[in-house]
Every structure is written in structure tokens, then in C-alpha cells.
């Protein structure tokens, strides 16, 4: 499967969304699934 190439604006929006959701107490795995990205640790 081909990788999606995100624009800078999309990355910033994802990071903002993740930060807001994390403040609500959601786990990073849940947030990543909601945003549609994969966590790599």
C-alpha cells in the first residue's frame, strides 16, 4: 500500500487535534486512530 504524503498544513492540523484530544484525557493510540495516522514508537 502506498504511503500518503501529507502537506505541512495537514500535519499541523493533525498535531493540534492530537494535542486537544490528549488534553481531554484520551490515549495516544485512540487519538491516532481518530485522526487516521499510525503511531511509531
N, C-alpha and C. Protein backbone atom coordinates (compact mmCIF):
# COMPACT_ATOMS: atom_id res chain seq x y z
N UNK A 1 0.84 -1.18 0.00
CA UNK A 1 0.00 0.00 0.00
C UNK A 1 0.89 1.24 0.00
N UNK A 2 0.55 2.19 -0.82
CA UNK A 2 1.34 3.41 -0.94
C UNK A 2 1.16 4.31 0.27
N UNK A 3 2.21 5.00 0.64
CA UNK A 3 2.14 5.94 1.76
C UNK A 3 1.49 7.23 1.31
N UNK A 4 0.76 7.85 2.22
CA UNK A 4 0.16 9.15 1.93
C UNK A 4 1.17 10.23 2.27
N UNK A 5 1.31 11.19 1.39
CA UNK A 5 2.19 12.32 1.62
C UNK A 5 1.35 13.50 2.08
N UNK A 6 1.54 13.89 3.33
CA UNK A 6 0.77 14.98 3.92
C UNK A 6 1.44 16.32 3.64
N UNK A 7 0.61 17.34 3.43
CA UNK A 7 1.11 18.71 3.29
C UNK A 7 1.39 19.24 4.69
N UNK A 8 2.20 20.28 4.79
CA UNK A 8 2.57 20.86 6.08
C UNK A 8 1.34 21.29 6.87
N UNK A 9 0.36 21.86 6.18
CA UNK A 9 -0.86 22.32 6.85
C UNK A 9 -1.64 21.15 7.46
N UNK A 10 -1.64 20.01 6.76
CA UNK A 10 -2.34 18.83 7.27
C UNK A 10 -1.64 18.27 8.51
N UNK A 11 -0.33 18.27 8.50
CA UNK A 11 0.44 17.79 9.65
C UNK A 11 0.18 18.67 10.86
N UNK A 12 0.20 19.98 10.66
CA UNK A 12 -0.05 20.91 11.76
C UNK A 12 -1.45 20.69 12.33
N UNK A 13 -2.44 20.50 11.45
CA UNK A 13 -3.81 20.28 11.91
C UNK A 13 -3.91 18.98 12.71
N UNK A 14 -3.25 17.92 12.25
CA UNK A 14 -3.25 16.65 12.98
C UNK A 14 -2.63 16.83 14.36
N UNK A 15 -1.51 17.54 14.43
CA UNK A 15 -0.84 17.75 15.71
C UNK A 15 -1.71 18.56 16.67
N UNK A 16 -2.38 19.57 16.16
CA UNK A 16 -3.28 20.37 17.01
C UNK A 16 -4.43 19.52 17.53
N UNK A 17 -5.01 18.73 16.64
CA UNK A 17 -6.11 17.85 17.04
C UNK A 17 -5.64 16.87 18.11
N UNK A 18 -4.47 16.28 17.90
CA UNK A 18 -3.95 15.32 18.86
C UNK A 18 -3.69 15.98 20.21
N UNK A 19 -3.18 17.19 20.20
CA UNK A 19 -2.92 17.91 21.45
C UNK A 19 -4.21 18.20 22.20
N UNK A 20 -5.25 18.63 21.49
CA UNK A 20 -6.54 18.92 22.12
C UNK A 20 -7.17 17.65 22.70
N UNK A 21 -7.13 16.57 21.93
CA UNK A 21 -7.71 15.31 22.38
C UNK A 21 -6.94 14.74 23.57
N UNK A 22 -5.63 14.92 23.57
CA UNK A 22 -4.82 14.45 24.68
C UNK A 22 -5.19 15.21 25.95
N UNK A 23 -5.49 16.49 25.80
CA UNK A 23 -5.93 17.29 26.94
C UNK A 23 -7.25 16.81 27.52
N UNK A 24 -8.06 16.17 26.69
CA UNK A 24 -9.34 15.62 27.14
C UNK A 24 -9.16 14.28 27.86
N UNK A 25 -7.93 13.75 27.83
CA UNK A 25 -7.64 12.52 28.55
C UNK A 25 -7.62 11.26 27.70
N UNK A 26 -7.70 11.39 26.38
CA UNK A 26 -7.65 10.21 25.52
C UNK A 26 -6.22 9.72 25.40
N UNK A 27 -6.07 8.42 25.16
CA UNK A 27 -4.75 7.83 24.95
C UNK A 27 -4.29 8.12 23.53
N UNK A 28 -2.97 8.17 23.34
CA UNK A 28 -2.41 8.49 22.03
C UNK A 28 -2.87 7.51 20.95
N UNK A 29 -3.00 6.23 21.30
CA UNK A 29 -3.45 5.25 20.32
C UNK A 29 -4.86 5.56 19.84
N UNK A 30 -5.73 5.96 20.76
CA UNK A 30 -7.11 6.31 20.41
C UNK A 30 -7.14 7.56 19.52
N UNK A 31 -6.32 8.52 19.87
CA UNK A 31 -6.29 9.78 19.11
C UNK A 31 -5.77 9.52 17.70
N UNK A 32 -4.71 8.74 17.58
CA UNK A 32 -4.13 8.46 16.26
C UNK A 32 -5.15 7.76 15.37
N UNK A 33 -5.90 6.84 15.94
CA UNK A 33 -6.92 6.14 15.16
C UNK A 33 -8.00 7.12 14.70
N UNK A 34 -8.38 8.03 15.59
CA UNK A 34 -9.40 9.03 15.27
C UNK A 34 -8.92 9.96 14.15
N UNK A 35 -7.66 10.36 14.21
CA UNK A 35 -7.09 11.28 13.22
C UNK A 35 -6.78 10.54 11.91
N UNK A 36 -6.49 9.25 12.02
CA UNK A 36 -6.19 8.46 10.82
C UNK A 36 -4.72 8.34 10.52
N UNK A 37 -3.90 8.35 11.56
CA UNK A 37 -2.46 8.18 11.39
C UNK A 37 -1.98 6.99 12.20
N UNK A 38 -0.74 6.56 11.96
CA UNK A 38 -0.15 5.46 12.66
C UNK A 38 0.92 5.97 13.61
N UNK A 39 0.90 5.47 14.85
CA UNK A 39 1.94 5.84 15.81
C UNK A 39 3.13 4.92 15.63
N UNK A 40 4.30 5.48 15.65
CA UNK A 40 5.54 4.69 15.61
C UNK A 40 6.35 5.07 16.82
N UNK A 41 6.66 4.06 17.61
CA UNK A 41 7.44 4.29 18.82
C UNK A 41 8.71 3.54 18.78
